[in-house]
Structures are given as C-alpha cells and as structure tokens.
Protein backbone atom coordinates (compact mmCIF):
# COMPACT_ATOMS: atom_id res chain seq x y z
CA MET A 1 196.40 -56.98 -224.92
CA LYS A 2 198.23 -53.74 -224.05
CA SER A 3 197.35 -52.54 -220.57
CA LEU A 4 198.44 -49.96 -218.03
CA ALA A 5 199.29 -51.58 -214.73
CA ALA A 6 200.73 -50.60 -211.35
CA VAL A 7 204.04 -52.45 -211.29
CA VAL A 8 206.30 -52.99 -208.28
CA ARG A 9 209.83 -53.88 -209.40
CA ALA A 10 211.31 -54.68 -205.98
CA ALA A 11 210.18 -54.98 -202.36
CA LYS A 12 209.20 -51.71 -200.65
CA GLU A 13 209.28 -49.71 -203.88
CA PRO A 14 206.26 -47.55 -204.82
CA PHE A 15 203.74 -48.55 -207.46
CA VAL A 16 204.73 -47.31 -210.93
CA ILE A 17 202.18 -47.09 -213.74
CA GLU A 18 203.69 -48.91 -216.73
CA GLU A 19 202.47 -50.49 -219.94
CA ILE A 20 202.41 -54.29 -219.96
CA ASP A 21 201.38 -56.96 -222.46
CA VAL A 22 198.66 -59.14 -220.93
CA PRO A 23 198.66 -62.65 -222.48
CA ASP A 24 195.59 -64.06 -224.18
CA PRO A 25 193.38 -66.13 -221.88
CA GLY A 26 194.19 -69.82 -221.61
CA ASP A 27 191.59 -72.56 -221.98
CA GLU A 28 190.09 -71.99 -218.49
CA GLU A 29 190.80 -68.28 -218.16
CA VAL A 30 188.94 -65.05 -218.80
CA LEU A 31 190.26 -61.63 -219.74
CA VAL A 32 188.57 -58.94 -217.63
CA ARG A 33 188.48 -55.19 -218.22
CA ILE A 34 188.84 -53.87 -214.70
CA VAL A 35 186.42 -51.10 -213.75
CA GLY A 36 187.34 -50.78 -210.06
CA VAL A 37 189.78 -52.48 -207.72
CA GLY A 38 190.14 -52.22 -203.96
CA ILE A 39 193.46 -51.87 -202.17
CA CYS A 40 193.88 -54.46 -199.43
CA HIS A 41 196.51 -54.47 -196.68
CA THR A 42 197.58 -57.86 -198.05
CA ASP A 43 198.60 -56.15 -201.31
CA LEU A 44 200.77 -53.76 -199.31
CA ALA A 45 202.27 -56.52 -197.16
CA SER A 46 203.26 -58.38 -200.33
CA ARG A 47 204.67 -55.20 -201.86
CA ASP A 48 206.75 -54.58 -198.75
CA GLY A 49 208.15 -58.12 -198.60
CA LEU A 50 206.27 -59.07 -195.42
CA LEU A 51 204.49 -61.83 -197.36
CA VAL A 52 206.06 -64.00 -200.04
CA ALA A 53 205.94 -62.39 -203.49
CA PRO A 54 208.05 -62.59 -206.65
CA PHE A 55 209.27 -59.36 -208.25
CA PRO A 56 208.65 -57.48 -210.47
CA SER A 57 204.95 -58.00 -209.83
CA VAL A 58 201.47 -56.66 -210.50
CA PHE A 59 199.45 -56.96 -207.31
CA GLY A 60 195.74 -56.30 -206.73
CA HIS A 61 193.14 -58.86 -205.71
CA GLU A 62 189.86 -57.01 -205.25
CA GLY A 63 189.02 -56.48 -208.91
CA ALA A 64 185.64 -56.01 -210.53
CA GLY A 65 185.01 -55.57 -214.23
CA VAL A 66 183.60 -56.79 -217.51
CA VAL A 67 184.56 -60.01 -219.26
CA GLU A 68 186.22 -59.23 -222.60
CA ARG A 69 187.33 -62.69 -223.79
CA VAL A 70 186.99 -66.25 -222.58
CA GLY A 71 189.10 -69.36 -223.05
CA ARG A 72 187.78 -72.18 -225.19
CA CYS A 73 186.85 -74.39 -222.19
CA VAL A 74 185.05 -71.67 -220.21
CA THR A 75 181.33 -72.34 -219.76
CA LYS A 76 180.36 -70.25 -216.72
CA LEU A 77 180.98 -66.83 -218.29
CA LYS A 78 180.70 -65.00 -221.59
CA PRO A 79 181.91 -61.65 -222.94
CA GLY A 80 179.92 -58.78 -221.47
CA ASP A 81 179.30 -60.43 -218.11
CA HIS A 82 179.99 -58.36 -215.00
CA VAL A 83 182.29 -60.14 -212.56
CA VAL A 84 183.90 -59.76 -209.16
CA LEU A 85 187.26 -61.50 -208.82
CA ALA A 86 187.96 -63.66 -205.76
CA PRO A 87 190.97 -65.69 -204.57
CA ALA A 88 192.08 -68.62 -206.68
CA SER A 89 191.57 -72.28 -205.82
CA ASP A 90 192.30 -75.47 -207.74
CA GLY A 91 188.83 -77.07 -207.48
CA VAL A 92 190.20 -80.60 -207.18
CA CYS A 93 191.76 -80.92 -203.73
CA GLU A 94 189.90 -82.38 -200.76
CA GLN A 95 189.03 -78.95 -199.33
CA CYS A 96 187.68 -77.57 -202.61
CA GLN A 97 185.71 -80.73 -203.26
CA GLY A 98 184.31 -80.46 -199.73
CA GLY A 99 182.96 -76.95 -200.34
CA ALA A 100 185.78 -75.03 -198.63
CA PRO A 101 187.75 -73.42 -201.49
CA MET A 102 189.31 -70.82 -199.17
CA TYR A 103 191.25 -73.66 -197.55
CA CYS A 104 192.47 -75.02 -200.89
CA GLU A 105 195.60 -77.13 -200.44
CA ARG A 106 197.32 -74.97 -203.09
CA PHE A 107 196.12 -71.63 -201.68
CA SER A 108 199.59 -70.20 -201.05
CA GLU A 109 200.92 -71.35 -204.41
CA LEU A 110 197.97 -69.98 -206.39
CA ASN A 111 197.47 -66.71 -204.50
CA PHE A 112 200.83 -65.70 -203.05
CA GLN A 113 202.78 -67.31 -205.89
CA THR A 114 205.10 -69.24 -203.58
CA LEU A 115 205.88 -71.35 -206.66
CA PRO A 116 205.72 -68.63 -209.35
CA ASP A 117 204.80 -69.89 -212.80
CA PRO A 118 207.16 -68.35 -215.40
CA ARG A 119 204.32 -68.57 -217.93
CA CYS A 120 202.22 -66.15 -215.85
CA THR A 121 204.25 -63.07 -216.70
CA ALA A 122 203.76 -59.94 -218.79
CA PRO A 123 206.51 -58.20 -220.78
CA LEU A 124 207.13 -54.65 -219.61
CA ALA A 125 207.44 -51.87 -222.19
CA ASN A 126 210.84 -50.79 -220.87
CA GLY A 127 212.24 -54.26 -220.39
CA GLY A 128 211.80 -57.17 -218.03
CA GLN A 129 208.85 -59.36 -217.08
CA ALA A 130 206.25 -58.73 -214.39
CA PHE A 131 204.57 -61.64 -212.61
CA LEU A 132 200.80 -61.85 -213.02
CA LYS A 133 198.05 -63.90 -211.36
CA TYR A 134 198.52 -62.53 -207.83
CA PHE A 135 195.49 -64.04 -206.06
CA GLY A 136 194.64 -65.44 -209.46
CA GLN A 137 194.08 -61.99 -211.02
CA SER A 138 196.70 -59.18 -210.56
CA SER A 139 193.96 -56.58 -210.89
CA PHE A 140 196.01 -53.40 -210.41
CA SER A 141 195.73 -53.20 -214.17
CA HIS A 142 193.25 -52.02 -216.80
CA PHE A 143 193.04 -55.64 -218.00
CA ALA A 144 193.50 -58.76 -215.88
CA LEU A 145 193.61 -62.50 -216.48
CA ALA A 146 191.58 -64.58 -214.05
CA GLY A 147 190.56 -68.19 -213.83
CA GLU A 148 187.00 -69.20 -214.54
CA ARG A 149 186.78 -70.50 -210.95
CA ASN A 150 187.66 -67.20 -209.29
CA ALA A 151 185.56 -64.91 -211.51
CA VAL A 152 182.09 -64.53 -210.01
CA LYS A 153 179.23 -63.41 -212.23
CA VAL A 154 177.17 -60.61 -210.66
CA ARG A 155 174.03 -58.63 -211.51
CA LYS A 156 174.41 -55.60 -213.79
CA ASP A 157 172.23 -53.08 -211.96
CA VAL A 158 174.81 -52.24 -209.27
CA PRO A 159 177.83 -49.97 -209.97
CA LEU A 160 180.76 -52.22 -210.79
CA ARG A 161 183.34 -49.72 -209.55
CA ILE A 162 182.40 -50.37 -205.90
CA LEU A 163 182.06 -54.17 -205.99
CA GLY A 164 185.73 -55.23 -205.97
CA PRO A 165 186.17 -55.28 -202.15
CA LEU A 166 183.44 -57.93 -201.95
CA GLY A 167 186.02 -60.33 -203.38
CA CYS A 168 188.29 -60.15 -200.34
CA GLY A 169 188.12 -57.59 -197.52
CA VAL A 170 184.35 -57.29 -197.22
CA GLN A 171 183.85 -61.00 -197.87
CA THR A 172 186.40 -61.79 -195.15
CA GLY A 173 184.77 -59.68 -192.46
CA ALA A 174 181.12 -60.31 -193.24
CA GLY A 175 181.63 -63.97 -194.09
CA THR A 176 183.46 -64.66 -190.84
CA VAL A 177 180.29 -63.69 -188.99
CA ILE A 178 177.58 -64.85 -191.41
CA ASN A 179 179.17 -68.08 -192.67
CA GLY A 180 181.59 -68.88 -189.87
CA LEU A 181 180.38 -67.83 -186.45
CA LYS A 182 176.66 -67.83 -187.40
CA PRO A 183 175.54 -65.90 -184.31
CA PRO A 184 171.92 -66.51 -183.25
CA PRO A 185 169.63 -63.46 -183.32
CA GLY A 186 170.00 -61.42 -180.13
CA SER A 187 173.52 -62.65 -179.37
CA SER A 188 176.43 -60.39 -178.45
CA ILE A 189 179.66 -59.73 -180.34
CA ALA A 190 182.75 -57.56 -179.92
CA ILE A 191 184.81 -56.66 -182.98
CA LEU A 192 188.45 -55.70 -182.45
CA GLY A 193 189.49 -53.17 -185.09
CA ALA A 194 187.19 -50.87 -187.06
CA GLY A 195 189.00 -50.98 -190.36
CA ALA A 196 187.48 -52.32 -193.56
CA VAL A 197 187.42 -55.98 -192.44
CA GLY A 198 186.18 -55.18 -188.94
CA LEU A 199 183.42 -52.91 -190.19
CA ALA A 200 182.40 -55.56 -192.72
CA ALA A 201 182.17 -58.00 -189.79
CA LEU A 202 179.97 -55.44 -188.04
CA LEU A 203 177.68 -55.31 -191.09
CA GLY A 204 177.51 -59.10 -190.99
CA ALA A 205 176.59 -59.02 -187.30
CA ALA A 206 173.78 -56.57 -188.06
CA VAL A 207 172.48 -58.82 -190.86
CA CYS A 208 172.46 -61.77 -188.43
CA GLY A 209 170.42 -59.80 -185.91
CA CYS A 210 172.99 -59.57 -183.11
CA GLY A 211 171.48 -57.67 -180.20
CA THR A 212 174.72 -56.19 -178.88
CA ILE A 213 177.45 -55.17 -181.31
CA ILE A 214 180.57 -53.63 -179.74
CA ALA A 215 183.16 -51.98 -181.98
CA VAL A 216 186.65 -51.61 -180.48
CA ASP A 217 189.27 -49.25 -181.90
CA ARG A 218 191.54 -46.38 -180.88
CA VAL A 219 190.50 -44.00 -183.67
CA GLU A 220 187.38 -42.04 -182.79
CA SER A 221 186.42 -41.29 -186.41
CA ARG A 222 186.28 -45.00 -187.19
CA LEU A 223 184.13 -45.63 -184.14
CA ASP A 224 181.79 -42.92 -185.41
CA VAL A 225 181.48 -44.86 -188.68
CA ALA A 226 180.83 -48.04 -186.70
CA LYS A 227 177.93 -46.39 -184.89
CA CYS A 228 176.44 -45.30 -188.21
CA LEU A 229 176.70 -48.88 -189.51
CA GLY A 230 174.94 -50.54 -186.57
CA ALA A 231 177.28 -50.74 -183.59
CA THR A 232 175.20 -50.56 -180.41
CA HIS A 233 178.29 -49.66 -178.35
CA VAL A 234 181.86 -48.55 -179.01
CA ILE A 235 185.01 -48.76 -176.90
CA ASN A 236 187.99 -46.47 -177.54
CA THR A 237 191.03 -48.30 -176.15
CA GLN A 238 192.83 -44.99 -175.75
CA ASN A 239 190.32 -44.15 -173.03
CA GLU A 240 189.67 -47.64 -171.61
CA PRO A 241 192.80 -49.29 -170.19
CA ASP A 242 190.88 -52.44 -169.14
CA LEU A 243 189.16 -53.72 -172.27
CA ALA A 244 187.60 -56.82 -170.71
CA ARG A 245 186.08 -54.77 -167.90
CA ALA A 246 184.70 -52.32 -170.47
CA ILE A 247 183.12 -55.20 -172.39
CA ARG A 248 181.55 -56.65 -169.21
CA ALA A 249 180.23 -53.23 -168.27
CA ILE A 250 178.09 -53.56 -171.42
CA VAL A 251 177.43 -57.31 -171.27
CA PRO A 252 177.93 -58.52 -167.67
CA ARG A 253 178.07 -62.21 -168.65
CA GLY A 254 180.57 -61.49 -171.41
CA VAL A 255 180.07 -61.46 -175.17
CA ASN A 256 179.22 -64.63 -177.08
CA PHE A 257 181.71 -63.81 -179.83
CA ILE A 258 184.88 -61.81 -180.31
CA VAL A 259 186.22 -61.18 -183.82
CA ASP A 260 189.80 -59.99 -184.14
CA SER A 261 190.47 -57.93 -187.25
CA ALA A 262 193.27 -55.86 -185.70
CA GLY A 263 196.04 -58.45 -185.50
CA ASP A 264 197.34 -57.20 -182.14
CA PRO A 265 198.09 -60.08 -179.72
CA ALA A 266 198.02 -57.74 -176.70
CA LEU A 267 194.57 -56.45 -177.68
CA ILE A 268 193.26 -60.00 -178.12
CA LEU A 269 194.60 -61.06 -174.72
CA ALA A 270 193.12 -57.96 -173.09
CA SER A 271 189.68 -58.84 -174.48
CA LEU A 272 189.51 -62.51 -173.55
CA THR A 273 188.20 -62.27 -170.00
CA GLY A 274 185.31 -60.40 -171.61
CA LEU A 275 184.34 -63.58 -173.50
CA ALA A 276 181.28 -65.46 -172.22
CA ILE A 277 181.11 -69.08 -171.14
CA ARG A 278 181.21 -71.23 -174.31
CA GLY A 279 182.11 -68.12 -176.30
CA THR A 280 184.18 -68.13 -179.46
CA LEU A 281 187.17 -66.03 -180.48
CA GLY A 282 187.33 -65.70 -184.26
CA LEU A 283 190.74 -64.89 -185.74
CA VAL A 284 190.71 -63.01 -189.04
CA ALA A 285 193.71 -60.66 -189.14
CA VAL A 286 197.09 -61.82 -190.39
CA PRO A 287 199.38 -61.91 -187.33
CA PRO A 288 202.46 -59.66 -187.10
CA GLY A 289 205.05 -62.33 -187.90
CA VAL A 290 203.97 -65.70 -189.23
CA GLU A 291 205.43 -67.73 -186.36
CA ARG A 292 204.39 -65.40 -183.52
CA PRO A 293 202.36 -67.37 -180.95
CA LEU A 294 199.04 -66.26 -179.52
CA GLU A 295 198.76 -66.86 -175.78
CA VAL A 296 195.33 -67.60 -174.35
CA PRO A 297 194.26 -68.22 -170.72
CA TRP A 298 194.35 -72.01 -170.93
CA SER A 299 192.47 -72.75 -167.68
CA ASN A 300 189.67 -70.30 -168.48
CA PHE A 301 189.20 -71.68 -172.00
CA LEU A 302 189.13 -75.24 -170.69
CA ALA A 303 186.81 -74.61 -167.74
CA GLN A 304 184.42 -72.38 -169.68
CA GLY A 305 184.24 -74.41 -172.86
CA GLN A 306 185.54 -71.56 -174.99
CA ARG A 307 187.17 -71.97 -178.36
CA VAL A 308 189.45 -70.21 -180.83
CA GLU A 309 188.80 -70.56 -184.55
CA GLY A 310 190.53 -69.08 -187.58
CA PHE A 311 188.71 -67.91 -190.70
CA VAL A 312 190.11 -67.39 -194.20
CA GLU A 313 188.11 -65.22 -196.60
CA GLY A 314 185.04 -65.58 -194.40
CA ASN A 315 184.62 -69.33 -195.03
CA SER A 316 182.93 -68.26 -198.26
CA ILE A 317 182.07 -69.98 -201.49
CA PRO A 318 182.48 -66.85 -203.66
CA ASP A 319 179.98 -67.87 -206.36
CA ILE A 320 177.31 -68.05 -203.65
CA PHE A 321 178.29 -65.45 -201.07
CA ILE A 322 179.28 -62.50 -203.27
CA PRO A 323 175.87 -62.38 -205.04
CA GLN A 324 174.22 -62.73 -201.62
CA MET A 325 176.07 -59.66 -200.31
CA ILE A 326 175.06 -57.69 -203.39
CA ASN A 327 171.42 -58.65 -202.91
CA LEU A 328 171.59 -57.53 -199.28
CA TYR A 329 173.14 -54.23 -200.44
CA VAL A 330 170.33 -53.65 -202.95
CA GLN A 331 167.80 -54.27 -200.16
CA GLY A 332 169.49 -51.61 -198.01
CA LEU A 333 170.66 -54.16 -195.42
CA PHE A 334 174.39 -54.18 -196.19
CA PRO A 335 175.70 -50.63 -196.88
CA PHE A 336 179.33 -51.61 -197.51
CA ASP A 337 179.68 -48.67 -199.90
CA GLN A 338 179.94 -46.40 -196.86
CA LEU A 339 183.42 -47.84 -196.26
CA ILE A 340 184.70 -46.83 -199.70
CA SER A 341 186.75 -43.85 -200.87
CA LEU A 342 187.25 -43.63 -204.64
CA TYR A 343 190.57 -42.68 -206.30
CA ARG A 344 191.82 -42.43 -209.87
CA PHE A 345 193.98 -45.42 -210.79
CA GLU A 346 196.93 -43.13 -211.42
CA ALA A 347 196.67 -41.89 -207.81
CA ILE A 348 197.37 -45.33 -206.34
CA ASN A 349 200.28 -44.13 -204.20
CA ASP A 350 198.13 -41.29 -202.82
CA ALA A 351 195.46 -43.84 -201.93
CA VAL A 352 198.04 -46.00 -200.16
CA GLU A 353 199.21 -43.01 -198.14
CA ASP A 354 195.62 -42.16 -197.16
CA LEU A 355 195.16 -45.74 -195.95
CA ARG A 356 198.36 -45.50 -193.92
CA ARG A 357 197.23 -42.26 -192.29
CA GLY A 358 193.72 -43.56 -191.60
CA VAL A 359 192.09 -41.01 -193.93
CA ALA A 360 190.47 -43.81 -195.95
CA ILE A 361 188.95 -47.04 -194.65
CA LYS A 362 188.75 -48.88 -197.98
CA ALA A 363 190.39 -47.24 -200.99
CA VAL A 364 189.06 -48.25 -204.40
CA LEU A 365 190.78 -47.33 -207.66
CA GLU A 366 188.56 -46.41 -210.60
CA MET A 367 189.60 -47.40 -214.11
CA GLY A 368 186.52 -46.12 -215.93
CA ALA A 369 182.77 -46.57 -216.26
CA ALA A 370 181.30 -49.99 -216.99
C-alpha cells in the first residue's frame, strides 16, 4: 500500500512528508487508514534522540482510523471498523496475562523498538528503509500497520479525527486517576502540570467526584483551561514561591493525592509537604534523564504512611478503558476535545512548533474524513 508518511531520517531532523510502501498485514495485524493522529511529547523525544529509536523512522502513536484489511488470524476486527490504536503488548507474559498489558515485559522492545525488527520496515520512494511499528503502529502516516491486540474497536457515532489521543496521552492522565489512584468521592488532588496529560488527569478527577481539584502550572492560559474543565483551584508557580504552603492554604490537612505530569523533580519536591497523611504521589511524566533520582523526604513518608507509585499509560486495559472514555465523552462528562487543536497532516512541523511554544495543548493531525 502506497502511503504518505512523516519520516525522520536522523535524530533531531524535522519531519519530512515522503511516500512509503506499507507492507500487507501479517496474520495477526490490521491495516488502518488513519483519519487523525495526536502528537505526543514521547514522539518528539524519540525524534530528538532522547529516547531509544532506530532511524530512519515513522513515529506517531495516537492514531485513530478505519480498518482496511485484516490478517488471516484476526478475529476481533473486520474491514470498516473504527479503531483507536494503543501501545503494543505481547499478550503472553506474566503482566499481560495478569491484566496489566501496560507493564508488558517486552514493552520497550515492542514500543520503542529497542530490538528493531528488520521486517518491520517500509521502502522509501527516494531510497532507504524506514522503520515502522513505533508503539506498534507508526501512525504519522495515511496508512498504518497495527497488531490486533493494540487496535481498539470503538463506536462510529463520534468523530474519529479527535479520538487518537485517547490511545496514549488522555488515557495516561485520566487512567492514572480513574484506574490507578481511584480517589474516593470528595477527596482532594493536586495535579502538577496543566498540559495534555495533566488536564486529562483533571478530567479523571472530576469524573471520580473529587471535591478539591488543584491545577498547578506556570502558564496562566493553561490554568484558565483547567478552571473550565473542573479545577476548583489553581496555583501559578510564577506567583507562589512556596508551593506546599499554597496547597495547604487550600486544604489545611494536605491533599490526598498529587499527580506529577510535569516531570520536574524540583516541583515535585516543593509539593510534597502539601501531601496529607497516608497520601499518594503518582508519577506519570517521563523524568529528565532516565537515571536521574527523585529525592523524597524519607522521614515524613515513613512517619505519615505516604507512598510513591508510578503509572504507565494509566494502568489501562485499552479494550476496556478507551470505550469507557468515549462513553463518558458522549454523556458530556469527559470533554477531552477541549484540549485539541486540529492541523493538516502536511503542517506537522508547524504543529510541533505550536506545542513547543505552548500555543497548542494537544495537537492532532487530520488525514481526512472517516
């Protein structure tokens, strides 16, 4: 299948729209015509060499589209189905078998291609081969190959072009709260970072019925969005040098939960004395440097029964959670579309620049109507 794709030939180079040849689907694969695909900061970190990635490569891992063809062993999907693409998992390891596919023992290999499969490549029109199957999909392309496991069938009465971010960024933020932390109704939560993942966590907190939802950021426009989406309070760290004191001015006993979606160790540390007795710090953001340690006040955590827990992709089972989020959206309870700015596929580099400048919260590239 001939397809236009955004190819990156070497680390830190811009995306270039090129024609590729997408292979036919294997026995357990599906060929998807992409309608919309979100741009995630993970895509950009891989492009820039901050995360492991082979080159040349087609990135993209928040794809949504229509199934065109299916492999001969595929039973879950058929041509014409609408799907959202999620991260890949092998389905056979202990974690997958235990209902935790986001902690698949082969997650890095299947999603970041730490052991790139030379069969998962596409010939480029002007020479060379581009690696496919980034996060099991490489959806910065008009057509993408995905595995049956990581293609989630969704209802057809919701615009496909906006659904891609449910496969990663929105799932990560909302799932961390809904599936991971599971805050009781009326509880309190502070969310560090009001980007796409943080605001999705805020939406999850609203769905769970949290009584106090504090959004923390240094960009006033993003805090304005947070208030529109359900934040009961906001803290601008540009104006509040003592974050923990600002949190306790709102919740004197401290918040039950803190979710970090900013990835700033100093910001996390500044927030921790605002955490309540037996409170939980949820880590979502990828840290700046894989081996960089996170320091926590050991005595306080021990004496107050607090804990730190990491969450990958919102502890979600995509086949269950993605349809749930869509149902909540249809009911008016989960307005994730308010995070989205739409761009033409050919304007991918403009979208990336808008993300860098903070003009867009979640950029989604449109390929065409479903």
